[in-house]
Amino acid sequence: MINFSWDAATTGDAATSYNISIGATNELEIGTLSGFDGTVDGGRNISYGDAIDTGWQANTTYYWKVTSVNVAGSTDSPIFSFTTGAADPLGVEGFTIEALSVSPNPVKDVVTINTTSGFDTVEVFNQLGQLVIESNSSLMNNNRLDLSALNPGMYLIQINADNKSKTVKIIKE
């Protein structure tokens, strides 16, 4: 997640909402978050990253601008930039299981792990990184994992096989 902050204009009428545009070039093509009403830290400090899946890349410069909106119209800020770091300092280099998928996504109650090579264990983590479900393939019926006990939200499923792993983001409805 990226936190953006800027100084509000000191002249003219105050903004009633803000739009943030972002991109890997100064064309700002990745996406726009619209309609911030100024209630987040006076409208000048907004977290960005979950609303549009940008797939942040390491060692990449991204460009962004803020459009302030009020009854008189809109005004764009200059285009700013930031560069992502070399790697995730909390990440772990690992192997991946290539021929694997989890479906459906989003899921209501049960996901199926589709793989041609099999797997050993499955771990489900909530957004805080807490382990909420742990199972192994011998306890699962036809590679189906019951998530009905979980609250709606985003979860990470880590599937482990032969010292390899793959993590998949899922949405529980």
N, C-alpha and C. Protein backbone atom coordinates (compact mmCIF):
# COMPACT_ATOMS: atom_id res chain seq x y z
N MET A 1 0.85 -1.17 0.00
CA MET A 1 0.00 0.00 0.00
C MET A 1 0.89 1.22 0.00
N ILE A 2 0.47 2.25 -0.70
CA ILE A 2 1.20 3.50 -0.79
C ILE A 2 0.37 4.58 -0.11
N ASN A 3 0.99 5.40 0.73
CA ASN A 3 0.30 6.52 1.36
C ASN A 3 0.69 7.79 0.64
N PHE A 4 -0.31 8.54 0.18
CA PHE A 4 -0.10 9.81 -0.51
C PHE A 4 -0.48 10.94 0.43
N SER A 5 0.30 12.00 0.42
CA SER A 5 -0.09 13.19 1.16
C SER A 5 0.35 14.42 0.38
N TRP A 6 -0.37 15.52 0.57
CA TRP A 6 -0.08 16.76 -0.14
C TRP A 6 -0.62 17.91 0.67
N ASP A 7 -0.17 19.11 0.33
CA ASP A 7 -0.65 20.32 0.99
C ASP A 7 -1.85 20.86 0.24
N ALA A 8 -2.89 21.20 0.97
CA ALA A 8 -4.09 21.78 0.36
C ALA A 8 -3.77 23.18 -0.14
N ALA A 9 -4.53 23.61 -1.14
CA ALA A 9 -4.35 24.96 -1.68
C ALA A 9 -4.63 25.99 -0.59
N THR A 10 -3.91 27.09 -0.63
CA THR A 10 -4.10 28.14 0.36
C THR A 10 -4.91 29.30 -0.19
N THR A 11 -5.28 29.25 -1.48
CA THR A 11 -6.10 30.30 -2.08
C THR A 11 -7.34 29.66 -2.68
N GLY A 12 -8.37 30.45 -2.90
CA GLY A 12 -9.60 29.95 -3.52
C GLY A 12 -10.45 29.15 -2.55
N ASP A 13 -11.55 28.62 -3.07
CA ASP A 13 -12.46 27.81 -2.26
C ASP A 13 -11.83 26.46 -1.96
N ALA A 14 -12.12 25.92 -0.79
CA ALA A 14 -11.58 24.62 -0.39
C ALA A 14 -12.15 23.52 -1.28
N ALA A 15 -11.36 22.49 -1.49
CA ALA A 15 -11.82 21.34 -2.27
C ALA A 15 -12.89 20.59 -1.49
N THR A 16 -13.87 20.08 -2.23
CA THR A 16 -14.91 19.25 -1.61
C THR A 16 -14.65 17.77 -1.84
N SER A 17 -13.78 17.45 -2.80
CA SER A 17 -13.36 16.07 -3.02
C SER A 17 -12.05 16.07 -3.79
N TYR A 18 -11.41 14.91 -3.82
CA TYR A 18 -10.12 14.74 -4.49
C TYR A 18 -10.15 13.50 -5.36
N ASN A 19 -9.43 13.53 -6.47
CA ASN A 19 -9.20 12.36 -7.31
C ASN A 19 -7.69 12.15 -7.38
N ILE A 20 -7.24 10.91 -7.27
CA ILE A 20 -5.82 10.60 -7.41
C ILE A 20 -5.66 9.75 -8.66
N SER A 21 -4.77 10.17 -9.56
CA SER A 21 -4.46 9.41 -10.77
C SER A 21 -3.03 8.91 -10.65
N ILE A 22 -2.79 7.70 -11.14
CA ILE A 22 -1.47 7.09 -11.00
C ILE A 22 -1.12 6.30 -12.25
N GLY A 23 0.18 6.19 -12.54
CA GLY A 23 0.62 5.41 -13.69
C GLY A 23 2.11 5.16 -13.68
N ALA A 24 2.56 4.25 -14.52
CA ALA A 24 3.98 3.93 -14.63
C ALA A 24 4.69 4.90 -15.58
N THR A 25 3.91 5.73 -16.28
CA THR A 25 4.47 6.82 -17.07
C THR A 25 3.71 8.08 -16.66
N ASN A 26 4.15 9.24 -17.12
CA ASN A 26 3.43 10.44 -16.73
C ASN A 26 2.08 10.58 -17.44
N GLU A 27 1.69 9.55 -18.19
CA GLU A 27 0.34 9.51 -18.78
C GLU A 27 -0.70 9.05 -17.75
N LEU A 28 -0.25 8.51 -16.61
CA LEU A 28 -1.11 8.13 -15.48
C LEU A 28 -2.19 7.12 -15.90
N GLU A 29 -1.78 6.07 -16.59
CA GLU A 29 -2.72 5.14 -17.20
C GLU A 29 -3.21 4.01 -16.30
N ILE A 30 -2.62 3.80 -15.13
CA ILE A 30 -3.01 2.64 -14.31
C ILE A 30 -4.41 2.80 -13.75
N GLY A 31 -4.74 3.96 -13.21
CA GLY A 31 -6.09 4.10 -12.67
C GLY A 31 -6.27 5.39 -11.91
N THR A 32 -7.51 5.63 -11.51
CA THR A 32 -7.86 6.82 -10.76
C THR A 32 -8.78 6.44 -9.62
N LEU A 33 -8.49 6.98 -8.44
CA LEU A 33 -9.40 6.86 -7.30
C LEU A 33 -10.14 8.18 -7.21
N SER A 34 -11.46 8.15 -7.18
CA SER A 34 -12.24 9.38 -7.27
C SER A 34 -13.09 9.60 -6.04
N GLY A 35 -13.40 10.86 -5.79
CA GLY A 35 -14.44 11.23 -4.86
C GLY A 35 -14.08 11.23 -3.40
N PHE A 36 -12.80 11.33 -3.04
CA PHE A 36 -12.48 11.45 -1.63
C PHE A 36 -13.08 12.75 -1.14
N ASP A 37 -13.80 12.69 -0.01
CA ASP A 37 -14.56 13.86 0.41
C ASP A 37 -13.82 14.76 1.39
N GLY A 38 -12.55 14.54 1.59
CA GLY A 38 -11.81 15.42 2.47
C GLY A 38 -11.89 15.03 3.92
N THR A 39 -12.48 13.88 4.25
CA THR A 39 -12.58 13.47 5.65
C THR A 39 -11.39 12.63 6.09
N VAL A 40 -10.55 12.20 5.17
CA VAL A 40 -9.37 11.42 5.52
C VAL A 40 -8.23 12.38 5.78
N ASP A 41 -7.96 12.67 7.06
CA ASP A 41 -6.89 13.60 7.45
C ASP A 41 -7.01 14.91 6.67
N GLY A 42 -8.20 15.48 6.67
CA GLY A 42 -8.42 16.72 5.95
C GLY A 42 -8.34 16.54 4.45
N GLY A 43 -8.39 15.29 3.98
CA GLY A 43 -8.36 15.03 2.55
C GLY A 43 -6.98 15.02 1.96
N ARG A 44 -5.94 15.13 2.79
CA ARG A 44 -4.60 15.28 2.26
C ARG A 44 -3.69 14.11 2.62
N ASN A 45 -4.22 13.00 3.06
CA ASN A 45 -3.39 11.84 3.38
C ASN A 45 -4.23 10.60 3.12
N ILE A 46 -4.04 9.98 1.98
CA ILE A 46 -4.90 8.89 1.54
C ILE A 46 -4.05 7.67 1.24
N SER A 47 -4.50 6.52 1.73
CA SER A 47 -3.81 5.27 1.42
C SER A 47 -4.32 4.74 0.10
N TYR A 48 -3.40 4.25 -0.72
CA TYR A 48 -3.75 3.80 -2.06
C TYR A 48 -3.06 2.48 -2.32
N GLY A 49 -3.75 1.53 -2.87
CA GLY A 49 -3.12 0.27 -3.19
C GLY A 49 -4.10 -0.87 -3.23
N ASP A 50 -5.14 -0.82 -2.40
CA ASP A 50 -6.11 -1.90 -2.38
C ASP A 50 -7.25 -1.67 -3.37
N ALA A 51 -7.57 -0.42 -3.67
CA ALA A 51 -8.73 -0.15 -4.51
C ALA A 51 -8.48 -0.48 -5.97
N ILE A 52 -7.27 -0.29 -6.45
CA ILE A 52 -6.91 -0.66 -7.82
C ILE A 52 -5.69 -1.55 -7.72
N ASP A 53 -5.78 -2.75 -8.26
CA ASP A 53 -4.65 -3.67 -8.20
C ASP A 53 -3.61 -3.25 -9.22
N THR A 54 -2.58 -2.55 -8.75
CA THR A 54 -1.58 -2.02 -9.66
C THR A 54 -0.45 -3.00 -9.91
N GLY A 55 -0.31 -4.01 -9.08
CA GLY A 55 0.80 -4.94 -9.25
C GLY A 55 2.13 -4.23 -9.11
N TRP A 56 2.31 -3.48 -8.01
CA TRP A 56 3.53 -2.71 -7.79
C TRP A 56 4.76 -3.55 -8.13
N GLN A 57 5.64 -3.02 -8.95
CA GLN A 57 6.87 -3.69 -9.36
C GLN A 57 8.06 -3.09 -8.62
N ALA A 58 9.04 -3.94 -8.27
CA ALA A 58 10.24 -3.46 -7.61
C ALA A 58 11.04 -2.57 -8.56
N ASN A 59 11.76 -1.60 -7.98
CA ASN A 59 12.63 -0.69 -8.74
C ASN A 59 11.91 -0.01 -9.90
N THR A 60 10.70 0.44 -9.66
CA THR A 60 9.91 1.07 -10.71
C THR A 60 9.47 2.46 -10.26
N THR A 61 9.55 3.42 -11.14
CA THR A 61 9.07 4.76 -10.84
C THR A 61 7.61 4.87 -11.27
N TYR A 62 6.79 5.36 -10.35
CA TYR A 62 5.37 5.59 -10.62
C TYR A 62 5.11 7.10 -10.51
N TYR A 63 4.12 7.56 -11.26
CA TYR A 63 3.78 8.97 -11.30
C TYR A 63 2.35 9.15 -10.80
N TRP A 64 2.08 10.27 -10.11
CA TRP A 64 0.74 10.51 -9.59
C TRP A 64 0.44 12.00 -9.52
N LYS A 65 -0.86 12.29 -9.53
CA LYS A 65 -1.30 13.67 -9.37
C LYS A 65 -2.62 13.66 -8.61
N VAL A 66 -2.93 14.79 -8.02
CA VAL A 66 -4.18 14.98 -7.29
C VAL A 66 -5.00 16.02 -8.03
N THR A 67 -6.26 15.71 -8.23
CA THR A 67 -7.18 16.69 -8.81
C THR A 67 -8.13 17.12 -7.70
N SER A 68 -8.08 18.41 -7.35
CA SER A 68 -8.98 18.97 -6.34
C SER A 68 -10.25 19.44 -7.03
N VAL A 69 -11.38 19.11 -6.43
CA VAL A 69 -12.67 19.43 -7.04
C VAL A 69 -13.50 20.26 -6.05
N ASN A 70 -14.12 21.33 -6.57
CA ASN A 70 -15.09 22.08 -5.78
C ASN A 70 -16.15 22.63 -6.71
N VAL A 71 -17.04 23.49 -6.22
CA VAL A 71 -18.15 23.98 -7.04
C VAL A 71 -17.68 24.78 -8.25
N ALA A 72 -16.48 25.33 -8.20
CA ALA A 72 -15.96 26.13 -9.31
C ALA A 72 -15.33 25.27 -10.41
N GLY A 73 -15.11 23.99 -10.13
CA GLY A 73 -14.49 23.11 -11.12
C GLY A 73 -13.42 22.24 -10.51
N SER A 74 -12.37 21.95 -11.28
CA SER A 74 -11.29 21.10 -10.78
C SER A 74 -9.94 21.68 -11.16
N THR A 75 -8.95 21.36 -10.33
CA THR A 75 -7.58 21.82 -10.56
C THR A 75 -6.64 20.66 -10.32
N ASP A 76 -5.72 20.44 -11.30
CA ASP A 76 -4.74 19.36 -11.17
C ASP A 76 -3.49 19.88 -10.47
N SER A 77 -2.93 19.01 -9.64
CA SER A 77 -1.62 19.31 -9.04
C SER A 77 -0.55 19.05 -10.08
N PRO A 78 0.70 19.43 -9.78
CA PRO A 78 1.78 18.96 -10.64
C PRO A 78 1.83 17.42 -10.57
N ILE A 79 2.54 16.79 -11.49
CA ILE A 79 2.71 15.33 -11.44
C ILE A 79 3.91 15.03 -10.55
N PHE A 80 3.68 14.20 -9.54
CA PHE A 80 4.71 13.78 -8.60
C PHE A 80 5.17 12.38 -8.98
N SER A 81 6.26 11.91 -8.37
CA SER A 81 6.71 10.54 -8.63
C SER A 81 7.31 9.92 -7.38
N PHE A 82 7.36 8.61 -7.36
CA PHE A 82 8.06 7.85 -6.33
C PHE A 82 8.60 6.59 -6.99
N THR A 83 9.62 6.00 -6.39
CA THR A 83 10.21 4.77 -6.91
C THR A 83 10.11 3.70 -5.85
N THR A 84 9.62 2.54 -6.23
CA THR A 84 9.51 1.42 -5.29
C THR A 84 10.89 0.86 -4.99
N GLY A 85 11.01 0.18 -3.86
CA GLY A 85 12.29 -0.39 -3.43
C GLY A 85 12.69 -1.61 -4.25
N ALA A 86 13.88 -2.10 -3.94
CA ALA A 86 14.46 -3.22 -4.68
C ALA A 86 13.66 -4.50 -4.48
N ALA A 87 13.16 -4.74 -3.29
CA ALA A 87 12.40 -5.96 -3.02
C ALA A 87 11.60 -5.74 -1.74
N ASP A 88 10.65 -6.60 -1.49
CA ASP A 88 9.86 -6.56 -0.28
C ASP A 88 10.74 -6.97 0.90
N PRO A 89 11.01 -6.05 1.84
CA PRO A 89 11.91 -6.40 2.93
C PRO A 89 11.34 -7.47 3.86
N LEU A 90 10.04 -7.67 3.83
CA LEU A 90 9.43 -8.70 4.67
C LEU A 90 9.14 -9.97 3.89
N GLY A 91 9.37 -9.95 2.59
CA GLY A 91 9.09 -11.11 1.76
C GLY A 91 10.14 -12.19 1.92
N VAL A 92 9.78 -13.38 1.50
CA VAL A 92 10.68 -14.51 1.54
C VAL A 92 10.81 -15.07 0.14
N GLU A 93 12.03 -15.21 -0.32
CA GLU A 93 12.24 -15.84 -1.62
C GLU A 93 11.78 -17.29 -1.51
N GLY A 94 11.06 -17.78 -2.48
CA GLY A 94 10.59 -19.15 -2.40
C GLY A 94 10.32 -19.73 -3.77
N PHE A 95 9.93 -20.94 -3.76
CA PHE A 95 9.58 -21.63 -4.98
C PHE A 95 8.09 -21.48 -5.21
N THR A 96 7.65 -21.74 -6.41
CA THR A 96 6.22 -21.71 -6.67
C THR A 96 5.80 -22.98 -7.35
N ILE A 97 4.56 -23.30 -7.18
CA ILE A 97 3.95 -24.43 -7.86
C ILE A 97 3.25 -23.84 -9.07
N GLU A 98 3.73 -24.15 -10.25
CA GLU A 98 3.22 -23.50 -11.46
C GLU A 98 1.82 -23.96 -11.86
N ALA A 99 1.59 -25.26 -11.93
CA ALA A 99 0.33 -25.80 -12.45
C ALA A 99 -0.68 -25.92 -11.32
N LEU A 100 -1.13 -24.79 -10.78
CA LEU A 100 -2.05 -24.80 -9.65
C LEU A 100 -2.98 -23.60 -9.76
N SER A 101 -4.25 -23.83 -9.43
CA SER A 101 -5.20 -22.73 -9.37
C SER A 101 -6.21 -23.01 -8.27
N VAL A 102 -6.85 -21.93 -7.80
CA VAL A 102 -7.87 -22.03 -6.77
C VAL A 102 -9.13 -21.41 -7.35
N SER A 103 -10.25 -22.12 -7.25
CA SER A 103 -11.50 -21.60 -7.78
C SER A 103 -12.68 -22.06 -6.92
N PRO A 104 -13.78 -21.36 -6.91
CA PRO A 104 -14.01 -20.07 -7.55
C PRO A 104 -13.39 -18.95 -6.71
N ASN A 105 -13.26 -17.81 -7.32
CA ASN A 105 -12.76 -16.63 -6.62
C ASN A 105 -13.44 -15.42 -7.22
N PRO A 106 -14.32 -14.76 -6.50
CA PRO A 106 -14.64 -14.88 -5.09
C PRO A 106 -15.37 -16.19 -4.76
N VAL A 107 -15.33 -16.56 -3.48
CA VAL A 107 -15.89 -17.82 -3.01
C VAL A 107 -16.95 -17.54 -1.94
N LYS A 108 -17.98 -18.37 -1.93
CA LYS A 108 -18.97 -18.27 -0.86
C LYS A 108 -18.58 -19.16 0.31
N ASP A 109 -18.37 -20.47 0.06
CA ASP A 109 -18.07 -21.40 1.15
C ASP A 109 -16.91 -22.34 0.87
N VAL A 110 -16.82 -22.91 -0.33
CA VAL A 110 -15.85 -23.96 -0.60
C VAL A 110 -15.02 -23.61 -1.84
N VAL A 111 -13.68 -23.70 -1.70
CA VAL A 111 -12.79 -23.53 -2.84
C VAL A 111 -12.22 -24.89 -3.22
N THR A 112 -11.89 -25.03 -4.49
CA THR A 112 -11.25 -26.23 -4.99
C THR A 112 -9.85 -25.88 -5.43
N ILE A 113 -8.89 -26.69 -4.99
CA ILE A 113 -7.50 -26.50 -5.40
C ILE A 113 -7.25 -27.43 -6.58
N ASN A 114 -7.04 -26.83 -7.73
CA ASN A 114 -6.84 -27.58 -8.97
C ASN A 114 -5.35 -27.70 -9.24
N THR A 115 -4.83 -28.92 -9.24
CA THR A 115 -3.41 -29.13 -9.49
C THR A 115 -3.20 -30.51 -10.09
N THR A 116 -2.21 -30.60 -10.96
CA THR A 116 -1.88 -31.89 -11.56
C THR A 116 -0.82 -32.62 -10.76
N SER A 117 -0.08 -31.88 -9.90
CA SER A 117 1.02 -32.50 -9.18
C SER A 117 0.71 -32.83 -7.72
N GLY A 118 -0.46 -32.46 -7.22
CA GLY A 118 -0.80 -32.71 -5.82
C GLY A 118 -0.16 -31.68 -4.91
N PHE A 119 -0.50 -31.76 -3.62
CA PHE A 119 0.04 -30.83 -2.63
C PHE A 119 0.02 -31.50 -1.27
N ASP A 120 0.76 -30.92 -0.32
CA ASP A 120 0.85 -31.49 1.02
C ASP A 120 -0.08 -30.79 2.00
N THR A 121 0.11 -29.48 2.17
CA THR A 121 -0.67 -28.73 3.15
C THR A 121 -1.23 -27.46 2.54
N VAL A 122 -2.27 -26.94 3.22
CA VAL A 122 -2.90 -25.68 2.84
C VAL A 122 -3.04 -24.85 4.10
N GLU A 123 -2.63 -23.57 4.02
CA GLU A 123 -2.79 -22.66 5.13
C GLU A 123 -3.53 -21.43 4.63
N VAL A 124 -4.48 -20.95 5.43
CA VAL A 124 -5.25 -19.75 5.08
C VAL A 124 -4.93 -18.68 6.12
N PHE A 125 -4.55 -17.49 5.62
CA PHE A 125 -4.19 -16.38 6.49
C PHE A 125 -5.15 -15.22 6.26
N ASN A 126 -5.48 -14.51 7.35
CA ASN A 126 -6.32 -13.31 7.20
C ASN A 126 -5.44 -12.13 6.83
N GLN A 127 -6.02 -10.94 6.74
CA GLN A 127 -5.28 -9.75 6.31
C GLN A 127 -4.23 -9.31 7.32
N LEU A 128 -4.34 -9.78 8.55
CA LEU A 128 -3.35 -9.46 9.58
C LEU A 128 -2.20 -10.44 9.59
N GLY A 129 -2.26 -11.45 8.69
CA GLY A 129 -1.22 -12.46 8.64
C GLY A 129 -1.41 -13.58 9.63
N GLN A 130 -2.58 -13.64 10.26
CA GLN A 130 -2.87 -14.69 11.24
C GLN A 130 -3.36 -15.94 10.53
N LEU A 131 -2.85 -17.09 10.95
CA LEU A 131 -3.28 -18.37 10.40
C LEU A 131 -4.68 -18.65 10.92
N VAL A 132 -5.66 -18.82 10.01
CA VAL A 132 -7.05 -19.04 10.42
C VAL A 132 -7.53 -20.45 10.07
N ILE A 133 -6.92 -21.09 9.08
CA ILE A 133 -7.25 -22.48 8.73
C ILE A 133 -5.96 -23.17 8.30
N GLU A 134 -5.81 -24.42 8.76
CA GLU A 134 -4.68 -25.23 8.33
C GLU A 134 -5.20 -26.63 8.05
N SER A 135 -4.81 -27.19 6.92
CA SER A 135 -5.29 -28.51 6.54
C SER A 135 -4.21 -29.20 5.71
N ASN A 136 -4.41 -30.48 5.47
CA ASN A 136 -3.53 -31.18 4.54
C ASN A 136 -4.39 -31.92 3.54
N SER A 137 -3.78 -32.36 2.47
CA SER A 137 -4.55 -32.94 1.37
C SER A 137 -5.30 -34.19 1.79
N SER A 138 -4.78 -34.95 2.75
CA SER A 138 -5.47 -36.18 3.16
C SER A 138 -6.77 -35.89 3.92
N LEU A 139 -6.91 -34.68 4.49
CA LEU A 139 -8.14 -34.32 5.19
C LEU A 139 -9.18 -33.67 4.29
N MET A 140 -8.80 -33.37 3.05
CA MET A 140 -9.70 -32.67 2.14
C MET A 140 -10.37 -33.66 1.20
N ASN A 141 -11.64 -33.42 0.90
CA ASN A 141 -12.42 -34.25 0.00
C ASN A 141 -12.32 -33.67 -1.41
N ASN A 142 -11.67 -34.39 -2.34
CA ASN A 142 -11.51 -33.94 -3.73
C ASN A 142 -10.86 -32.56 -3.84
N ASN A 143 -9.87 -32.31 -3.00
CA ASN A 143 -9.13 -31.05 -3.00
C ASN A 143 -10.02 -29.83 -2.73
N ARG A 144 -11.08 -30.04 -1.97
CA ARG A 144 -12.00 -28.95 -1.64
C ARG A 144 -11.75 -28.50 -0.21
N LEU A 145 -11.65 -27.19 -0.02
CA LEU A 145 -11.40 -26.61 1.29
C LEU A 145 -12.61 -25.78 1.71
N ASP A 146 -13.18 -26.11 2.87
CA ASP A 146 -14.37 -25.44 3.38
C ASP A 146 -13.97 -24.16 4.10
N LEU A 147 -14.44 -23.01 3.59
CA LEU A 147 -14.15 -21.71 4.18
C LEU A 147 -15.39 -21.09 4.81
N SER A 148 -16.44 -21.87 5.00
CA SER A 148 -17.71 -21.33 5.48
C SER A 148 -17.60 -20.71 6.87
N ALA A 149 -16.63 -21.11 7.67
CA ALA A 149 -16.48 -20.56 9.02
C ALA A 149 -15.84 -19.17 9.02
N LEU A 150 -15.31 -18.75 7.88
CA LEU A 150 -14.62 -17.45 7.81
C LEU A 150 -15.60 -16.31 7.54
N ASN A 151 -15.28 -15.14 8.07
CA ASN A 151 -16.05 -13.94 7.78
C ASN A 151 -15.73 -13.46 6.37
N PRO A 152 -16.63 -12.71 5.75
CA PRO A 152 -16.32 -12.14 4.43
C PRO A 152 -15.08 -11.27 4.50
N GLY A 153 -14.29 -11.30 3.43
CA GLY A 153 -13.08 -10.49 3.37
C GLY A 153 -12.04 -11.11 2.47
N MET A 154 -10.83 -10.53 2.50
CA MET A 154 -9.74 -11.03 1.69
C MET A 154 -8.88 -11.96 2.53
N TYR A 155 -8.44 -13.07 1.92
CA TYR A 155 -7.59 -14.05 2.59
C TYR A 155 -6.48 -14.48 1.63
N LEU A 156 -5.40 -15.00 2.19
CA LEU A 156 -4.32 -15.57 1.41
C LEU A 156 -4.28 -17.07 1.68
N ILE A 157 -4.31 -17.86 0.61
CA ILE A 157 -4.21 -19.31 0.74
C ILE A 157 -2.81 -19.69 0.28
N GLN A 158 -2.05 -20.32 1.18
CA GLN A 158 -0.72 -20.81 0.83
C GLN A 158 -0.79 -22.32 0.68
N ILE A 159 -0.43 -22.80 -0.50
CA ILE A 159 -0.48 -24.23 -0.82
C ILE A 159 0.97 -24.71 -0.90
N ASN A 160 1.30 -25.76 -0.15
CA ASN A 160 2.66 -26.26 -0.05
C ASN A 160 2.76 -27.66 -0.62
N ALA A 161 3.82 -27.91 -1.39
CA ALA A 161 4.07 -29.23 -1.96
C ALA A 161 5.56 -29.40 -2.21
N ASP A 162 6.15 -30.46 -1.67
CA ASP A 162 7.55 -30.81 -1.93
C ASP A 162 8.48 -29.61 -1.77
N ASN A 163 8.42 -28.93 -0.63
CA ASN A 163 9.27 -27.77 -0.34
C ASN A 163 9.06 -26.61 -1.32
N LYS A 164 7.92 -26.57 -1.97
CA LYS A 164 7.54 -25.47 -2.84
C LYS A 164 6.23 -24.90 -2.31
N SER A 165 5.93 -23.66 -2.68
CA SER A 165 4.68 -23.08 -2.23
C SER A 165 4.14 -22.10 -3.24
N LYS A 166 2.84 -21.89 -3.17
CA LYS A 166 2.20 -20.85 -3.97
C LYS A 166 1.15 -20.20 -3.07
N THR A 167 1.11 -18.87 -3.13
CA THR A 167 0.13 -18.13 -2.33
C THR A 167 -0.84 -17.46 -3.28
N VAL A 168 -2.13 -17.62 -3.00
CA VAL A 168 -3.20 -17.09 -3.84
C VAL A 168 -4.10 -16.21 -2.98
N LYS A 169 -4.40 -15.00 -3.49
CA LYS A 169 -5.32 -14.11 -2.81
C LYS A 169 -6.74 -14.48 -3.21
N ILE A 170 -7.62 -14.64 -2.22
CA ILE A 170 -9.04 -14.94 -2.51
C ILE A 170 -9.92 -13.96 -1.76
N ILE A 171 -11.12 -13.82 -2.28
CA ILE A 171 -12.14 -12.99 -1.63
C ILE A 171 -13.26 -13.91 -1.16
N LYS A 172 -13.58 -13.84 0.13
CA LYS A 172 -14.67 -14.64 0.71
C LYS A 172 -15.89 -13.73 0.79
N GLU A 173 -16.97 -14.15 0.14
CA GLU A 173 -18.22 -13.35 0.15
C GLU A 173 -19.04 -13.66 1.37
